[in-house]
Amino acid sequence: MVVLPACVQDRDGTKRLLLELHHRQHPLLSTTRRRTRNLFADGGFAGALVDWARTPLRTTIEIVRKPAGQKGFAVIPRKWTVERTLA
């Protein structure tokens, strides 16, 4: 967990969180920890963050979106996982 001021947008604060996570999981520090390779996020995290995480951290951020043409409520499998985790 990283605590940031309220004026920092979630997607901007995510860079710091991912860097912290990356440094704590570095293989030279611990051989028992696994690296975070794949993350799921909602549309608010789309954009430059996805490209940034791919290069220095070798982490894939998959943006979970609702299907095109969806009307009304429907459970979106990966988004449900994200929301359940945050709840």
Protein backbone atom coordinates (compact mmCIF):
# COMPACT_ATOMS: atom_id res chain seq x y z
CA MET A 1 0.00 0.00 0.00
CA VAL A 2 1.17 3.50 -0.78
CA VAL A 3 -0.46 6.54 0.81
CA LEU A 4 -0.57 9.63 -1.40
CA PRO A 5 -2.22 13.05 -1.10
CA ALA A 6 -5.82 13.31 -2.30
CA CYS A 7 -4.71 15.58 -5.17
CA VAL A 8 -2.90 12.65 -6.86
CA GLN A 9 -5.03 10.77 -9.40
CA ASP A 10 -5.20 6.99 -8.97
CA ARG A 11 -3.54 6.26 -12.31
CA ASP A 12 -0.66 8.62 -11.44
CA GLY A 13 -0.20 7.10 -7.99
CA THR A 14 -0.18 3.65 -9.51
CA LYS A 15 3.30 4.24 -10.93
CA ARG A 16 4.67 4.73 -7.44
CA LEU A 17 2.80 1.69 -6.14
CA LEU A 18 4.10 -0.51 -8.96
CA LEU A 19 7.66 0.71 -8.42
CA GLU A 20 7.41 -0.10 -4.71
CA LEU A 21 6.04 -3.54 -5.52
CA HIS A 22 8.73 -4.16 -8.11
CA HIS A 23 11.59 -3.24 -5.76
CA ARG A 24 10.23 -5.39 -2.94
CA GLN A 25 9.95 -8.40 -5.24
CA HIS A 26 13.38 -8.04 -6.80
CA PRO A 27 14.96 -11.51 -7.17
CA LEU A 28 18.23 -10.38 -5.54
CA LEU A 29 16.34 -9.47 -2.36
CA SER A 30 14.32 -12.63 -1.99
CA THR A 31 14.23 -15.87 -3.91
CA THR A 32 10.87 -16.93 -2.48
CA ARG A 33 8.76 -14.05 -3.79
CA ARG A 34 7.11 -14.06 -7.18
CA ARG A 35 7.05 -11.13 -9.57
CA THR A 36 3.79 -9.45 -10.46
CA ARG A 37 3.47 -10.00 -14.20
CA ASN A 38 -0.21 -9.46 -15.01
CA LEU A 39 -2.61 -6.92 -13.55
CA PHE A 40 -6.25 -6.14 -14.29
CA ALA A 41 -7.56 -2.59 -14.06
CA ASP A 42 -10.63 -0.64 -15.09
CA GLY A 43 -10.78 1.99 -17.82
CA GLY A 44 -9.57 4.75 -15.49
CA PHE A 45 -6.07 3.31 -15.70
CA ALA A 46 -5.87 3.11 -19.50
CA GLY A 47 -3.33 5.16 -21.40
CA ALA A 48 0.36 5.79 -20.83
CA LEU A 49 0.45 3.72 -17.64
CA VAL A 50 -0.09 0.51 -19.62
CA ASP A 51 2.90 1.24 -21.89
CA TRP A 52 5.05 2.44 -19.01
CA ALA A 53 4.51 -0.75 -16.94
CA ARG A 54 5.35 -2.97 -19.91
CA THR A 55 8.87 -1.62 -20.47
CA PRO A 56 10.69 -1.04 -17.16
CA LEU A 57 8.68 -3.47 -15.01
CA ARG A 58 7.88 -6.17 -17.59
CA THR A 59 4.32 -6.13 -16.26
CA THR A 60 1.17 -6.36 -18.38
CA ILE A 61 -1.81 -4.27 -17.35
CA GLU A 62 -4.99 -5.51 -18.98
CA ILE A 63 -7.77 -2.93 -19.11
CA VAL A 64 -11.12 -4.59 -18.47
CA ARG A 65 -13.96 -2.96 -20.41
CA LYS A 66 -17.60 -3.78 -20.89
CA PRO A 67 -18.53 -5.43 -24.19
CA ALA A 68 -19.50 -3.10 -27.03
CA GLY A 69 -23.25 -2.64 -27.24
CA GLN A 70 -23.94 -3.84 -23.70
CA LYS A 71 -27.09 -2.36 -22.20
CA GLY A 72 -28.08 -2.71 -18.58
CA PHE A 73 -26.21 -4.64 -15.93
CA ALA A 74 -24.08 -7.64 -16.77
CA VAL A 75 -21.25 -9.22 -14.82
CA ILE A 76 -17.97 -8.70 -16.63
CA PRO A 77 -15.72 -11.56 -15.45
CA ARG A 78 -12.42 -9.76 -14.79
CA LYS A 79 -14.02 -6.50 -13.72
CA TRP A 80 -16.00 -8.41 -11.12
CA THR A 81 -12.67 -9.68 -9.75
CA VAL A 82 -11.30 -6.13 -9.55
CA GLU A 83 -14.40 -4.76 -7.82
CA ARG A 84 -14.61 -7.70 -5.42
CA THR A 85 -10.93 -7.22 -4.48
CA LEU A 86 -11.45 -3.52 -3.76
CA ALA A 87 -14.61 -4.19 -1.76
